[in-house]
C-alpha atoms as a PDB file:
ATOM      1  CA  MET A   1      18.469  -9.843  20.361  1.00  0.00           C
ATOM      2  CA  TYR A   2      20.067  -7.285  18.040  1.00  0.00           C
ATOM      3  CA  GLU A   3      20.167  -3.970  20.316  1.00  0.00           C
ATOM      4  CA  THR A   4      20.834  -0.818  18.397  1.00  0.00           C
ATOM      5  CA  PRO A   5      24.202   0.930  18.647  1.00  0.00           C
ATOM      6  CA  ILE A   6      21.852   4.459  18.068  1.00  0.00           C
ATOM      7  CA  LYS A   7      18.842   5.454  20.597  1.00  0.00           C
ATOM      8  CA  LEU A   8      16.956   8.336  20.037  1.00  0.00           C
ATOM      9  CA  THR A   9      15.876  10.320  23.343  1.00  0.00           C
ATOM     10  CA  GLU A  10      12.573  12.556  23.104  1.00  0.00           C
ATOM     11  CA  VAL A  11      14.725  15.591  22.283  1.00  0.00           C
ATOM     12  CA  THR A  12      15.953  13.977  18.934  1.00  0.00           C
ATOM     13  CA  LYS A  13      12.971  12.553  18.144  1.00  0.00           C
ATOM     14  CA  ARG A  14      10.914  16.129  18.648  1.00  0.00           C
ATOM     15  CA  VAL A  15      13.619  17.454  16.448  1.00  0.00           C
ATOM     16  CA  SER A  16      13.053  14.592  13.929  1.00  0.00           C
ATOM     17  CA  ASP A  17       8.964  15.540  13.641  1.00  0.00           C
ATOM     18  CA  LEU A  18       9.686  19.284  13.347  1.00  0.00           C
ATOM     19  CA  PHE A  19      12.020  18.138  10.238  1.00  0.00           C
ATOM     20  CA  GLU A  20       9.113  16.167   8.763  1.00  0.00           C
ATOM     21  CA  THR A  21       6.340  18.569   9.894  1.00  0.00           C
ATOM     22  CA  GLU A  22       8.869  21.674   7.849  1.00  0.00           C
ATOM     23  CA  ALA A  23       9.770  19.580   5.134  1.00  0.00           C
ATOM     24  CA  GLN A  24       5.661  18.799   4.303  1.00  0.00           C
ATOM     25  CA  LYS A  25       5.048  22.113   4.942  1.00  0.00           C
ATOM     26  CA  LEU A  26       7.851  23.249   1.887  1.00  0.00           C
ATOM     27  CA  ALA A  27       6.550  20.696  -0.016  1.00  0.00           C
ATOM     28  CA  GLU A  28       3.249  21.767  -0.069  1.00  0.00           C
ATOM     29  CA  ALA A  29       4.021  25.487  -0.496  1.00  0.00           C
ATOM     30  CA  THR A  30       6.344  24.270  -3.694  1.00  0.00           C
ATOM     31  CA  LYS A  31       3.049  22.481  -4.668  1.00  0.00           C
ATOM     32  CA  GLN A  32       0.978  25.789  -3.881  1.00  0.00           C
ATOM     33  CA  HIS A  33       3.461  28.170  -5.979  1.00  0.00           C
ATOM     34  CA  THR A  34       3.567  25.586  -9.158  1.00  0.00           C
ATOM     35  CA  GLU A  35      -0.196  25.360  -9.268  1.00  0.00           C
ATOM     36  CA  ASP A  36      -0.495  29.428  -8.765  1.00  0.00           C
ATOM     37  CA  TYR A  37       2.472  29.890 -11.899  1.00  0.00           C
ATOM     38  CA  ILE A  38       0.857  27.430 -14.045  1.00  0.00           C
ATOM     39  CA  THR A  39      -2.997  29.134 -13.458  1.00  0.00           C
ATOM     40  CA  PHE A  40      -1.093  32.603 -14.330  1.00  0.00           C
ATOM     41  CA  LYS A  41       0.845  31.688 -17.393  1.00  0.00           C
ATOM     42  CA  ILE A  42      -2.118  29.833 -19.055  1.00  0.00           C
ATOM     43  CA  GLU A  43      -4.416  33.211 -17.774  1.00  0.00           C
ATOM     44  CA  GLN A  44      -1.706  35.294 -19.262  1.00  0.00           C
ATOM     45  CA  ILE A  45      -0.831  33.547 -22.700  1.00  0.00           C
ATOM     46  CA  LEU A  46      -4.735  32.636 -23.323  1.00  0.00           C
ATOM     47  CA  ASP A  47      -5.548  35.966 -22.411  1.00  0.00           C
ATOM     48  CA  CYS A  48      -8.516  34.161 -19.869  1.00  0.00           C
ATOM     49  CA  GLU A  49      -9.656  33.415 -16.134  1.00  0.00           C
ATOM     50  CA  VAL A  50      -8.767  30.184 -15.225  1.00  0.00           C
ATOM     51  CA  ASP A  51     -11.130  29.027 -12.394  1.00  0.00           C
ATOM     52  CA  LYS A  52      -8.324  26.218 -10.590  1.00  0.00           C
ATOM     53  CA  GLU A  53     -11.245  24.426  -8.176  1.00  0.00           C
ATOM     54  CA  GLU A  54     -12.807  23.625 -11.495  1.00  0.00           C
ATOM     55  CA  LEU A  55     -10.139  22.973 -13.457  1.00  0.00           C
ATOM     56  CA  ILE A  56      -9.364  20.234 -11.203  1.00  0.00           C
ATOM     57  CA  LYS A  57     -12.418  18.589 -10.756  1.00  0.00           C
ATOM     58  CA  ALA A  58     -12.651  18.254 -14.502  1.00  0.00           C
ATOM     59  CA  MET A  59      -9.371  17.007 -14.753  1.00  0.00           C
ATOM     60  CA  GLN A  60     -10.390  14.620 -11.924  1.00  0.00           C
ATOM     61  CA  TYR A  61     -13.379  13.372 -14.121  1.00  0.00           C
ATOM     62  CA  ASP A  62     -11.196  12.990 -17.084  1.00  0.00           C
ATOM     63  CA  ARG A  63      -8.721  10.917 -14.987  1.00  0.00           C
ATOM     64  CA  ASN A  64     -11.635   8.941 -13.804  1.00  0.00           C
ATOM     65  CA  GLN A  65     -13.271   8.416 -17.257  1.00  0.00           C
ATOM     66  CA  TYR A  66      -9.667   7.510 -19.056  1.00  0.00           C
ATOM     67  CA  ASP A  67      -9.435   4.872 -16.268  1.00  0.00           C
ATOM     68  CA  LYS A  68     -13.045   3.472 -16.456  1.00  0.00           C
ATOM     69  CA  GLY A  69     -12.546   3.613 -20.485  1.00  0.00           C
ATOM     70  CA  TYR A  70      -9.444   1.477 -20.120  1.00  0.00           C
ATOM     71  CA  GLN A  71     -10.683  -1.198 -17.177  1.00  0.00           C
ATOM     72  CA  ASP A  72     -14.336  -1.336 -19.620  1.00  0.00           C
ATOM     73  CA  GLY A  73     -11.452  -2.287 -22.877  1.00  0.00           C
ATOM     74  CA  TYR A  74      -9.521  -4.461 -21.177  1.00  0.00           C
ATOM     75  CA  LEU A  75     -12.024  -6.702 -19.557  1.00  0.00           C
ATOM     76  CA  ASP A  76     -13.448  -6.421 -22.807  1.00  0.00           C
ATOM     77  CA  GLY A  77     -10.401  -7.556 -24.482  1.00  0.00           C
ATOM     78  CA  VAL A  78     -10.159 -10.533 -22.198  1.00  0.00           C
ATOM     79  CA  ARG A  79     -13.698 -11.719 -22.512  1.00  0.00           C
ATOM     80  CA  ASP A  80     -13.231 -11.388 -26.286  1.00  0.00           C
ATOM     81  CA  GLY A  81     -10.388 -13.277 -26.305  1.00  0.00           C
ATOM     82  CA  LYS A  82     -11.486 -15.941 -24.005  1.00  0.00           C
ATOM     83  CA  GLN A  83     -14.700 -16.793 -26.557  1.00  0.00           C
ATOM     84  CA  ILE A  84     -11.317 -16.436 -29.662  1.00  0.00           C
ATOM     85  CA  LEU A  85     -10.211 -19.473 -27.661  1.00  0.00           C
ATOM     86  CA  ILE A  86     -12.850 -21.093 -27.206  1.00  0.00           C
ATOM     87  CA  ASN A  87     -14.030 -21.002 -30.845  1.00  0.00           C
ATOM     88  CA  LYS A  88     -11.105 -22.150 -31.455  1.00  0.00           C
ATOM     89  CA  LEU A  89     -10.723 -25.033 -29.577  1.00  0.00           C
ATOM     90  CA  GLN A  90     -14.249 -26.252 -30.889  1.00  0.00           C
ATOM     91  CA  GLU A  91     -13.094 -26.079 -34.276  1.00  0.00           C
ATOM     92  CA  TYR A  92     -10.131 -28.174 -33.679  1.00  0.00           C
ATOM     93  CA  ILE A  93     -12.559 -30.484 -31.396  1.00  0.00           C
ATOM     94  CA  GLU A  94     -15.008 -30.765 -34.759  1.00  0.00           C
ATOM     95  CA  GLY A  95     -12.043 -31.207 -37.065  1.00  0.00           C
ATOM     96  CA  SER A  96     -10.541 -33.825 -35.603  1.00  0.00           C
ATOM     97  CA  ASP A  97     -13.901 -35.704 -35.637  1.00  0.00           C
ATOM     98  CA  GLU A  98     -13.693 -35.534 -38.961  1.00  0.00           C
ATOM     99  CA  ASP A  99     -10.330 -37.513 -39.266  1.00  0.00           C
ATOM    100  CA  VAL A 100     -11.456 -40.662 -37.577  1.00  0.00           C
END
């Protein structure tokens, strides 16, 4: 049976967990800073106020509507494509009956 040459001690595992936690905090702080900066620039350039929570809700709603529309269009295309194939096959079959 394979045995790893490096075994994590409890202390090493705690340091690893701490590093992961700190990395998550840094990522969240970076995300928050970026969102705040974008909001600030929109307000500065357009001379308006931005309700960030409402903007996020609206964008999420738009994204969901886009995804729903894409899915609906895809399913319509599949349905229409099947019908076209069925019609072409039917025309071919009917045409081959006339040749006999």
